[in-house]
Each structure stands twice: as structure tokens, then as C-alpha cells.
Amino acid sequence: MTFIAREISVGTVATPIGTATPKNTHELTLGNDYNKAIYIGGADVTVGGGYSIPKTQHVTVKIGNGDVLYAITNTGTADLHVYDFQLDP
């Protein structure tokens, strides 16, 4: 298992925040410590069409098979805490 922690600046354009390799599953815990919502989804994520991570909340998602997860916010920028656990096959 590999673990990577990073902070990614998210703005009003969809920003890639996690990519899984074709052979590995990644479990991403995403932390939003800002006073605005951050939305996650595919490359076409929008403020109205993504999964919302409310302010001061954390969520955990799994991605695999080459998937890419994106994030966006409605105004300005916000830093998203990304804790990436790569689960070996």
C-alpha cells in the first residue's frame, strides 16, 4: 500500500485531484477546510452537477481502472486536502 498526502488548489475550472492506475484501486479521503463547498465528479463536473463536499467536511471515495476524479468550486479558489491510499492488487 502506498500513501500520499497533498493539498490541491481548486478553482472555477475542473481540476484533476486523483488518478488511478489500471491495476490499482485508490481510496481518496478528501477534506474541505474552507468556508465554501467543493464539488467532485468526472471531467465535466459542475457546481450544480457534482457531489458536494460541504465546508469543514471530509468524504472518502474509491477510484480505479484509470479513473480520474476532478473538483471545482463556485468562486475563487479553495485548497482541498487529498489523502490517497493506493491499494495494491
PDB file of N, CA and C in Angstrom:
ATOM      1  N   MET A   1       0.847  -1.174   0.000  1.00  0.00           N
ATOM      2  CA  MET A   1       0.000   0.000   0.000  1.00  0.00           C
ATOM      3  C   MET A   1       0.890   1.234   0.000  1.00  0.00           C
ATOM      4  N   THR A   2       0.500   2.218  -0.786  1.00  0.00           N
ATOM      5  CA  THR A   2       1.201   3.494  -0.855  1.00  0.00           C
ATOM      6  C   THR A   2       0.268   4.582  -0.355  1.00  0.00           C
ATOM      7  N   PHE A   3       0.812   5.537   0.394  1.00  0.00           N
ATOM      8  CA  PHE A   3       0.020   6.646   0.926  1.00  0.00           C
ATOM      9  C   PHE A   3       0.666   7.961   0.517  1.00  0.00           C
ATOM     10  N   ILE A   4      -0.143   8.867  -0.031  1.00  0.00           N
ATOM     11  CA  ILE A   4       0.326  10.195  -0.426  1.00  0.00           C
ATOM     12  C   ILE A   4      -0.660  11.220   0.129  1.00  0.00           C
ATOM     13  N   ALA A   5      -0.150  12.248   0.787  1.00  0.00           N
ATOM     14  CA  ALA A   5      -0.981  13.354   1.268  1.00  0.00           C
ATOM     15  C   ALA A   5      -0.550  14.616   0.534  1.00  0.00           C
ATOM     16  N   ARG A   6      -1.524  15.353   0.041  1.00  0.00           N
ATOM     17  CA  ARG A   6      -1.199  16.596  -0.664  1.00  0.00           C
ATOM     18  C   ARG A   6      -2.362  17.567  -0.540  1.00  0.00           C
ATOM     19  N   GLU A   7      -2.098  18.817  -0.874  1.00  0.00           N
ATOM     20  CA  GLU A   7      -3.115  19.851  -0.884  1.00  0.00           C
ATOM     21  C   GLU A   7      -3.194  20.381  -2.304  1.00  0.00           C
ATOM     22  N   ILE A   8      -4.399  20.409  -2.853  1.00  0.00           N
ATOM     23  CA  ILE A   8      -4.588  20.827  -4.239  1.00  0.00           C
ATOM     24  C   ILE A   8      -5.493  22.052  -4.258  1.00  0.00           C
ATOM     25  N   SER A   9      -5.054  23.098  -4.961  1.00  0.00           N
ATOM     26  CA  SER A   9      -5.843  24.312  -5.107  1.00  0.00           C
ATOM     27  C   SER A   9      -6.911  24.083  -6.174  1.00  0.00           C
ATOM     28  N   VAL A  10      -8.161  24.273  -5.789  1.00  0.00           N
ATOM     29  CA  VAL A  10      -9.306  24.054  -6.673  1.00  0.00           C
ATOM     30  C   VAL A  10      -9.939  25.402  -6.977  1.00  0.00           C
ATOM     31  N   GLY A  11     -10.269  25.632  -8.241  1.00  0.00           N
ATOM     32  CA  GLY A  11     -10.895  26.889  -8.649  1.00  0.00           C
ATOM     33  C   GLY A  11     -12.192  26.646  -9.392  1.00  0.00           C
ATOM     34  N   THR A  12     -12.507  27.562 -10.295  1.00  0.00           N
ATOM     35  CA  THR A  12     -13.774  27.519 -11.014  1.00  0.00           C
ATOM     36  C   THR A  12     -13.703  26.703 -12.305  1.00  0.00           C
ATOM     37  N   VAL A  13     -12.569  26.067 -12.568  1.00  0.00           N
ATOM     38  CA  VAL A  13     -12.396  25.169 -13.705  1.00  0.00           C
ATOM     39  C   VAL A  13     -12.082  23.786 -13.127  1.00  0.00           C
ATOM     40  N   ALA A  14     -12.675  22.733 -13.690  1.00  0.00           N
ATOM     41  CA  ALA A  14     -12.463  21.380 -13.188  1.00  0.00           C
ATOM     42  C   ALA A  14     -10.969  21.066 -13.105  1.00  0.00           C
ATOM     43  N   THR A  15     -10.534  20.650 -11.912  1.00  0.00           N
ATOM     44  CA  THR A  15      -9.127  20.376 -11.630  1.00  0.00           C
ATOM     45  C   THR A  15      -8.968  18.899 -11.274  1.00  0.00           C
ATOM     46  N   PRO A  16      -8.058  18.162 -11.940  1.00  0.00           N
ATOM     47  CA  PRO A  16      -7.859  16.759 -11.565  1.00  0.00           C
ATOM     48  C   PRO A  16      -7.249  16.663 -10.163  1.00  0.00           C
ATOM     49  N   ILE A  17      -7.839  15.812  -9.316  1.00  0.00           N
ATOM     50  CA  ILE A  17      -7.352  15.679  -7.942  1.00  0.00           C
ATOM     51  C   ILE A  17      -6.900  14.264  -7.614  1.00  0.00           C
ATOM     52  N   GLY A  18      -7.185  13.309  -8.476  1.00  0.00           N
ATOM     53  CA  GLY A  18      -6.766  11.930  -8.234  1.00  0.00           C
ATOM     54  C   GLY A  18      -6.887  11.104  -9.483  1.00  0.00           C
ATOM     55  N   THR A  19      -5.869  10.271  -9.742  1.00  0.00           N
ATOM     56  CA  THR A  19      -5.864   9.384 -10.902  1.00  0.00           C
ATOM     57  C   THR A  19      -5.473   7.987 -10.444  1.00  0.00           C
ATOM     58  N   ALA A  20      -6.255   7.005 -10.845  1.00  0.00           N
ATOM     59  CA  ALA A  20      -5.958   5.611 -10.503  1.00  0.00           C
ATOM     60  C   ALA A  20      -5.275   4.936 -11.680  1.00  0.00           C
ATOM     61  N   THR A  21      -4.377   4.037 -11.384  1.00  0.00           N
ATOM     62  CA  THR A  21      -3.731   3.252 -12.432  1.00  0.00           C
ATOM     63  C   THR A  21      -4.672   2.121 -12.856  1.00  0.00           C
ATOM     64  N   PRO A  22      -4.474   1.569 -14.031  1.00  0.00           N
ATOM     65  CA  PRO A  22      -5.369   0.495 -14.477  1.00  0.00           C
ATOM     66  C   PRO A  22      -5.380  -0.724 -13.550  1.00  0.00           C
ATOM     67  N   LYS A  23      -4.281  -0.976 -12.823  1.00  0.00           N
ATOM     68  CA  LYS A  23      -4.209  -2.177 -11.986  1.00  0.00           C
ATOM     69  C   LYS A  23      -4.456  -1.914 -10.507  1.00  0.00           C
ATOM     70  N   ASN A  24      -4.539  -0.665 -10.081  1.00  0.00           N
ATOM     71  CA  ASN A  24      -4.663  -0.366  -8.659  1.00  0.00           C
ATOM     72  C   ASN A  24      -5.927   0.433  -8.372  1.00  0.00           C
ATOM     73  N   THR A  25      -6.478   0.196  -7.200  1.00  0.00           N
ATOM     74  CA  THR A  25      -7.592   0.991  -6.703  1.00  0.00           C
ATOM     75  C   THR A  25      -7.025   2.043  -5.751  1.00  0.00           C
ATOM     76  N   HIS A  26      -7.554   3.241  -5.834  1.00  0.00           N
ATOM     77  CA  HIS A  26      -7.144   4.305  -4.932  1.00  0.00           C
ATOM     78  C   HIS A  26      -8.329   4.687  -4.055  1.00  0.00           C
ATOM     79  N   GLU A  27      -8.084   4.771  -2.764  1.00  0.00           N
ATOM     80  CA  GLU A  27      -9.093   5.256  -1.827  1.00  0.00           C
ATOM     81  C   GLU A  27      -8.673   6.668  -1.451  1.00  0.00           C
ATOM     82  N   LEU A  28      -9.499   7.640  -1.836  1.00  0.00           N
ATOM     83  CA  LEU A  28      -9.184   9.044  -1.605  1.00  0.00           C
ATOM     84  C   LEU A  28     -10.063   9.592  -0.487  1.00  0.00           C
ATOM     85  N   THR A  29      -9.441  10.141   0.537  1.00  0.00           N
ATOM     86  CA  THR A  29     -10.175  10.886   1.554  1.00  0.00           C
ATOM     87  C   THR A  29      -9.921  12.354   1.260  1.00  0.00           C
ATOM     88  N   LEU A  30     -11.002  13.097   1.085  1.00  0.00           N
ATOM     89  CA  LEU A  30     -10.932  14.491   0.668  1.00  0.00           C
ATOM     90  C   LEU A  30     -11.444  15.374   1.789  1.00  0.00           C
ATOM     91  N   GLY A  31     -10.645  16.340   2.188  1.00  0.00           N
ATOM     92  CA  GLY A  31     -11.017  17.230   3.282  1.00  0.00           C
ATOM     93  C   GLY A  31     -11.166  18.657   2.812  1.00  0.00           C
ATOM     94  N   ASN A  32     -12.299  19.259   3.142  1.00  0.00           N
ATOM     95  CA  ASN A  32     -12.599  20.634   2.776  1.00  0.00           C
ATOM     96  C   ASN A  32     -12.619  21.481   4.041  1.00  0.00           C
ATOM     97  N   ASP A  33     -11.580  22.255   4.279  1.00  0.00           N
ATOM     98  CA  ASP A  33     -11.498  23.109   5.467  1.00  0.00           C
ATOM     99  C   ASP A  33     -11.883  24.552   5.166  1.00  0.00           C
ATOM    100  N   TYR A  34     -12.429  24.799   3.992  1.00  0.00           N
ATOM    101  CA  TYR A  34     -12.766  26.164   3.604  1.00  0.00           C
ATOM    102  C   TYR A  34     -14.232  26.482   3.851  1.00  0.00           C
ATOM    103  N   ASN A  35     -14.546  27.763   3.791  1.00  0.00           N
ATOM    104  CA  ASN A  35     -15.896  28.235   4.072  1.00  0.00           C
ATOM    105  C   ASN A  35     -16.748  28.261   2.798  1.00  0.00           C
ATOM    106  N   LYS A  36     -16.526  27.314   1.905  1.00  0.00           N
ATOM    107  CA  LYS A  36     -17.334  27.186   0.689  1.00  0.00           C
ATOM    108  C   LYS A  36     -17.347  25.731   0.278  1.00  0.00           C
ATOM    109  N   ALA A  37     -18.354  25.341  -0.463  1.00  0.00           N
ATOM    110  CA  ALA A  37     -18.470  23.951  -0.912  1.00  0.00           C
ATOM    111  C   ALA A  37     -17.510  23.687  -2.063  1.00  0.00           C
ATOM    112  N   ILE A  38     -17.039  22.447  -2.126  1.00  0.00           N
ATOM    113  CA  ILE A  38     -16.241  21.952  -3.246  1.00  0.00           C
ATOM    114  C   ILE A  38     -17.022  20.779  -3.825  1.00  0.00           C
ATOM    115  N   TYR A  39     -17.050  20.676  -5.151  1.00  0.00           N
ATOM    116  CA  TYR A  39     -17.815  19.640  -5.833  1.00  0.00           C
ATOM    117  C   TYR A  39     -16.858  18.710  -6.561  1.00  0.00           C
ATOM    118  N   ILE A  40     -17.125  17.401  -6.514  1.00  0.00           N
ATOM    119  CA  ILE A  40     -16.275  16.422  -7.187  1.00  0.00           C
ATOM    120  C   ILE A  40     -17.086  15.633  -8.210  1.00  0.00           C
ATOM    121  N   GLY A  41     -16.378  15.101  -9.210  1.00  0.00           N
ATOM    122  CA  GLY A  41     -17.028  14.299 -10.245  1.00  0.00           C
ATOM    123  C   GLY A  41     -16.051  14.013 -11.374  1.00  0.00           C
ATOM    124  N   GLY A  42     -16.593  13.733 -12.538  1.00  0.00           N
ATOM    125  CA  GLY A  42     -15.781  13.481 -13.726  1.00  0.00           C
ATOM    126  C   GLY A  42     -15.270  14.769 -14.335  1.00  0.00           C
ATOM    127  N   ALA A  43     -14.678  14.655 -15.526  1.00  0.00           N
ATOM    128  CA  ALA A  43     -14.093  15.819 -16.200  1.00  0.00           C
ATOM    129  C   ALA A  43     -15.125  16.906 -16.473  1.00  0.00           C
ATOM    130  N   ASP A  44     -16.397  16.533 -16.536  1.00  0.00           N
ATOM    131  CA  ASP A  44     -17.460  17.501 -16.820  1.00  0.00           C
ATOM    132  C   ASP A  44     -18.151  18.007 -15.546  1.00  0.00           C
ATOM    133  N   VAL A  45     -17.500  17.859 -14.381  1.00  0.00           N
ATOM    134  CA  VAL A  45     -18.107  18.273 -13.118  1.00  0.00           C
ATOM    135  C   VAL A  45     -18.445  19.765 -13.148  1.00  0.00           C
ATOM    136  N   THR A  46     -19.593  20.092 -12.580  1.00  0.00           N
ATOM    137  CA  THR A  46     -20.023  21.486 -12.447  1.00  0.00           C
ATOM    138  C   THR A  46     -20.459  21.717 -11.003  1.00  0.00           C
ATOM    139  N   VAL A  47     -20.623  22.976 -10.644  1.00  0.00           N
ATOM    140  CA  VAL A  47     -21.076  23.313  -9.300  1.00  0.00           C
ATOM    141  C   VAL A  47     -22.457  22.717  -9.044  1.00  0.00           C
ATOM    142  N   GLY A  48     -23.328  22.738 -10.025  1.00  0.00           N
ATOM    143  CA  GLY A  48     -24.660  22.182  -9.850  1.00  0.00           C
ATOM    144  C   GLY A  48     -24.759  20.698 -10.124  1.00  0.00           C
ATOM    145  N   GLY A  49     -23.712  20.119 -10.734  1.00  0.00           N
ATOM    146  CA  GLY A  49     -23.813  18.729 -11.151  1.00  0.00           C
ATOM    147  C   GLY A  49     -22.783  17.796 -10.552  1.00  0.00           C
ATOM    148  N   GLY A  50     -22.111  18.206  -9.497  1.00  0.00           N
ATOM    149  CA  GLY A  50     -21.129  17.344  -8.853  1.00  0.00           C
ATOM    150  C   GLY A  50     -21.588  16.945  -7.465  1.00  0.00           C
ATOM    151  N   TYR A  51     -20.826  16.045  -6.850  1.00  0.00           N
ATOM    152  CA  TYR A  51     -21.100  15.648  -5.471  1.00  0.00           C
ATOM    153  C   TYR A  51     -20.476  16.700  -4.573  1.00  0.00           C
ATOM    154  N   SER A  52     -21.246  17.280  -3.696  1.00  0.00           N
ATOM    155  CA  SER A  52     -20.798  18.382  -2.850  1.00  0.00           C
ATOM    156  C   SER A  52     -20.065  17.872  -1.606  1.00  0.00           C
ATOM    157  N   ILE A  53     -18.889  18.452  -1.347  1.00  0.00           N
ATOM    158  CA  ILE A  53     -18.203  18.264  -0.072  1.00  0.00           C
ATOM    159  C   ILE A  53     -18.440  19.563   0.688  1.00  0.00           C
ATOM    160  N   PRO A  54     -19.383  19.569   1.645  1.00  0.00           N
ATOM    161  CA  PRO A  54     -19.686  20.811   2.365  1.00  0.00           C
ATOM    162  C   PRO A  54     -18.474  21.338   3.124  1.00  0.00           C
ATOM    163  N   LYS A  55     -18.518  22.620   3.446  1.00  0.00           N
ATOM    164  CA  LYS A  55     -17.410  23.226   4.195  1.00  0.00           C
ATOM    165  C   LYS A  55     -17.173  22.469   5.492  1.00  0.00           C
ATOM    166  N   THR A  56     -15.920  22.311   5.833  1.00  0.00           N
ATOM    167  CA  THR A  56     -15.413  21.631   7.037  1.00  0.00           C
ATOM    168  C   THR A  56     -15.772  20.149   7.110  1.00  0.00           C
ATOM    169  N   GLN A  57     -16.023  19.512   5.976  1.00  0.00           N
ATOM    170  CA  GLN A  57     -16.370  18.087   5.952  1.00  0.00           C
ATOM    171  C   GLN A  57     -15.317  17.279   5.197  1.00  0.00           C
ATOM    172  N   HIS A  58     -15.356  15.957   5.397  1.00  0.00           N
ATOM    173  CA  HIS A  58     -14.485  15.019   4.697  1.00  0.00           C
ATOM    174  C   HIS A  58     -15.350  13.933   4.057  1.00  0.00           C
ATOM    175  N   VAL A  59     -14.921  13.434   2.904  1.00  0.00           N
ATOM    176  CA  VAL A  59     -15.569  12.286   2.271  1.00  0.00           C
ATOM    177  C   VAL A  59     -14.483  11.329   1.792  1.00  0.00           C
ATOM    178  N   THR A  60     -14.840  10.061   1.652  1.00  0.00           N
ATOM    179  CA  THR A  60     -13.919   9.061   1.128  1.00  0.00           C
ATOM    180  C   THR A  60     -14.560   8.407  -0.087  1.00  0.00           C
ATOM    181  N   VAL A  61     -13.802   8.323  -1.182  1.00  0.00           N
ATOM    182  CA  VAL A  61     -14.271   7.692  -2.416  1.00  0.00           C
ATOM    183  C   VAL A  61     -13.189   6.742  -2.913  1.00  0.00           C
ATOM    184  N   LYS A  62     -13.594   5.760  -3.699  1.00  0.00           N
ATOM    185  CA  LYS A  62     -12.651   4.846  -4.341  1.00  0.00           C
ATOM    186  C   LYS A  62     -12.719   5.043  -5.846  1.00  0.00           C
ATOM    187  N   ILE A  63     -11.546   5.050  -6.476  1.00  0.00           N
ATOM    188  CA  ILE A  63     -11.472   5.116  -7.930  1.00  0.00           C
ATOM    189  C   ILE A  63     -10.519   4.026  -8.393  1.00  0.00           C
ATOM    190  N   GLY A  64     -10.708   3.560  -9.603  1.00  0.00           N
ATOM    191  CA  GLY A  64      -9.849   2.508 -10.141  1.00  0.00           C
ATOM    192  C   GLY A  64      -9.903   2.464 -11.644  1.00  0.00           C
ATOM    193  N   ASN A  65      -9.115   1.557 -12.227  1.00  0.00           N
ATOM    194  CA  ASN A  65      -9.133   1.283 -13.656  1.00  0.00           C
ATOM    195  C   ASN A  65      -8.879   2.529 -14.507  1.00  0.00           C
ATOM    196  N   GLY A  66      -7.925   3.361 -14.085  1.00  0.00           N
ATOM    197  CA  GLY A  66      -7.571   4.546 -14.859  1.00  0.00           C
ATOM    198  C   GLY A  66      -8.505   5.726 -14.678  1.00  0.00           C
ATOM    199  N   ASP A  67      -9.434   5.654 -13.723  1.00  0.00           N
ATOM    200  CA  ASP A  67     -10.354   6.765 -13.479  1.00  0.00           C
ATOM    201  C   ASP A  67      -9.602   8.017 -13.028  1.00  0.00           C
ATOM    202  N   VAL A  68     -10.176   9.173 -13.344  1.00  0.00           N
ATOM    203  CA  VAL A  68      -9.658  10.457 -12.880  1.00  0.00           C
ATOM    204  C   VAL A  68     -10.792  11.175 -12.177  1.00  0.00           C
ATOM    205  N   LEU A  69     -10.525  11.700 -10.979  1.00  0.00           N
ATOM    206  CA  LEU A  69     -11.508  12.446 -10.206  1.00  0.00           C
ATOM    207  C   LEU A  69     -11.156  13.927 -10.279  1.00  0.00           C
ATOM    208  N   TYR A  70     -12.179  14.758 -10.481  1.00  0.00           N
ATOM    209  CA  TYR A  70     -11.994  16.203 -10.626  1.00  0.00           C
ATOM    210  C   TYR A  70     -12.751  16.938  -9.530  1.00  0.00           C
ATOM    211  N   ALA A  71     -12.337  18.198  -9.271  1.00  0.00           N
ATOM    212  CA  ALA A  71     -13.020  19.045  -8.293  1.00  0.00           C
ATOM    213  C   ALA A  71     -13.147  20.456  -8.836  1.00  0.00           C
ATOM    214  N   ILE A  72     -14.157  21.180  -8.320  1.00  0.00           N
ATOM    215  CA  ILE A  72     -14.426  22.553  -8.735  1.00  0.00           C
ATOM    216  C   ILE A  72     -15.098  23.278  -7.566  1.00  0.00           C
ATOM    217  N   THR A  73     -14.974  24.587  -7.516  1.00  0.00           N
ATOM    218  CA  THR A  73     -15.703  25.400  -6.541  1.00  0.00           C
ATOM    219  C   THR A  73     -16.390  26.537  -7.286  1.00  0.00           C
ATOM    220  N   ASN A  74     -17.373  27.162  -6.660  1.00  0.00           N
ATOM    221  CA  ASN A  74     -18.182  28.147  -7.394  1.00  0.00           C
ATOM    222  C   ASN A  74     -17.508  29.512  -7.551  1.00  0.00           C
ATOM    223  N   THR A  75     -16.673  29.943  -6.623  1.00  0.00           N
ATOM    224  CA  THR A  75     -15.988  31.237  -6.735  1.00  0.00           C
ATOM    225  C   THR A  75     -14.588  31.143  -6.156  1.00  0.00           C
ATOM    226  N   GLY A  76     -13.677  31.900  -6.724  1.00  0.00           N
ATOM    227  CA  GLY A  76     -12.324  31.956  -6.180  1.00  0.00           C
ATOM    228  C   GLY A  76     -11.639  30.604  -6.194  1.00  0.00           C
ATOM    229  N   THR A  77     -10.848  30.362  -5.149  1.00  0.00           N
ATOM    230  CA  THR A  77     -10.145  29.092  -5.014  1.00  0.00           C
ATOM    231  C   THR A  77     -10.278  28.574  -3.591  1.00  0.00           C
ATOM    232  N   ALA A  78     -10.060  27.292  -3.437  1.00  0.00           N
ATOM    233  CA  ALA A  78     -10.035  26.647  -2.131  1.00  0.00           C
ATOM    234  C   ALA A  78      -9.046  25.498  -2.199  1.00  0.00           C
ATOM    235  N   ASP A  79      -8.345  25.260  -1.110  1.00  0.00           N
ATOM    236  CA  ASP A  79      -7.405  24.143  -1.066  1.00  0.00           C
ATOM    237  C   ASP A  79      -8.122  22.910  -0.554  1.00  0.00           C
ATOM    238  N   LEU A  80      -7.983  21.824  -1.295  1.00  0.00           N
ATOM    239  CA  LEU A  80      -8.598  20.553  -0.937  1.00  0.00           C
ATOM    240  C   LEU A  80      -7.506  19.625  -0.426  1.00  0.00           C
ATOM    241  N   HIS A  81      -7.675  19.078   0.760  1.00  0.00           N
ATOM    242  CA  HIS A  81      -6.734  18.120   1.317  1.00  0.00           C
ATOM    243  C   HIS A  81      -7.057  16.749   0.726  1.00  0.00           C
ATOM    244  N   VAL A  82      -6.067  16.119   0.104  1.00  0.00           N
ATOM    245  CA  VAL A  82      -6.258  14.828  -0.550  1.00  0.00           C
ATOM    246  C   VAL A  82      -5.334  13.810   0.111  1.00  0.00           C
ATOM    247  N   TYR A  83      -5.926  12.771   0.684  1.00  0.00           N
ATOM    248  CA  TYR A  83      -5.194  11.670   1.286  1.00  0.00           C
ATOM    249  C   TYR A  83      -5.440  10.449   0.403  1.00  0.00           C
ATOM    250  N   ASP A  84      -4.414  10.015  -0.317  1.00  0.00           N
ATOM    251  CA  ASP A  84      -4.532   8.994  -1.356  1.00  0.00           C
ATOM    252  C   ASP A  84      -3.882   7.698  -0.878  1.00  0.00           C
ATOM    253  N   PHE A  85      -4.713   6.672  -0.662  1.00  0.00           N
ATOM    254  CA  PHE A  85      -4.232   5.331  -0.311  1.00  0.00           C
ATOM    255  C   PHE A  85      -4.314   4.467  -1.553  1.00  0.00           C
ATOM    256  N   GLN A  86      -3.162   4.055  -2.085  1.00  0.00           N
ATOM    257  CA  GLN A  86      -3.148   3.183  -3.248  1.00  0.00           C
ATOM    258  C   GLN A  86      -3.151   1.751  -2.751  1.00  0.00           C
ATOM    259  N   LEU A  87      -4.226   1.037  -3.063  1.00  0.00           N
ATOM    260  CA  LEU A  87      -4.376  -0.338  -2.629  1.00  0.00           C
ATOM    261  C   LEU A  87      -3.780  -1.253  -3.679  1.00  0.00           C
ATOM    262  N   ASP A  88      -2.752  -1.988  -3.317  1.00  0.00           N
ATOM    263  CA  ASP A  88      -2.082  -2.884  -4.253  1.00  0.00           C
ATOM    264  C   ASP A  88      -2.993  -4.063  -4.600  1.00  0.00           C
ATOM    265  N   PRO A  89      -2.902  -4.533  -5.867  1.00  0.00           N
ATOM    266  CA  PRO A  89      -3.778  -5.652  -6.278  1.00  0.00           C
ATOM    267  C   PRO A  89      -3.393  -6.954  -5.582  1.00  0.00           C
TER     268      PRO A  89
END
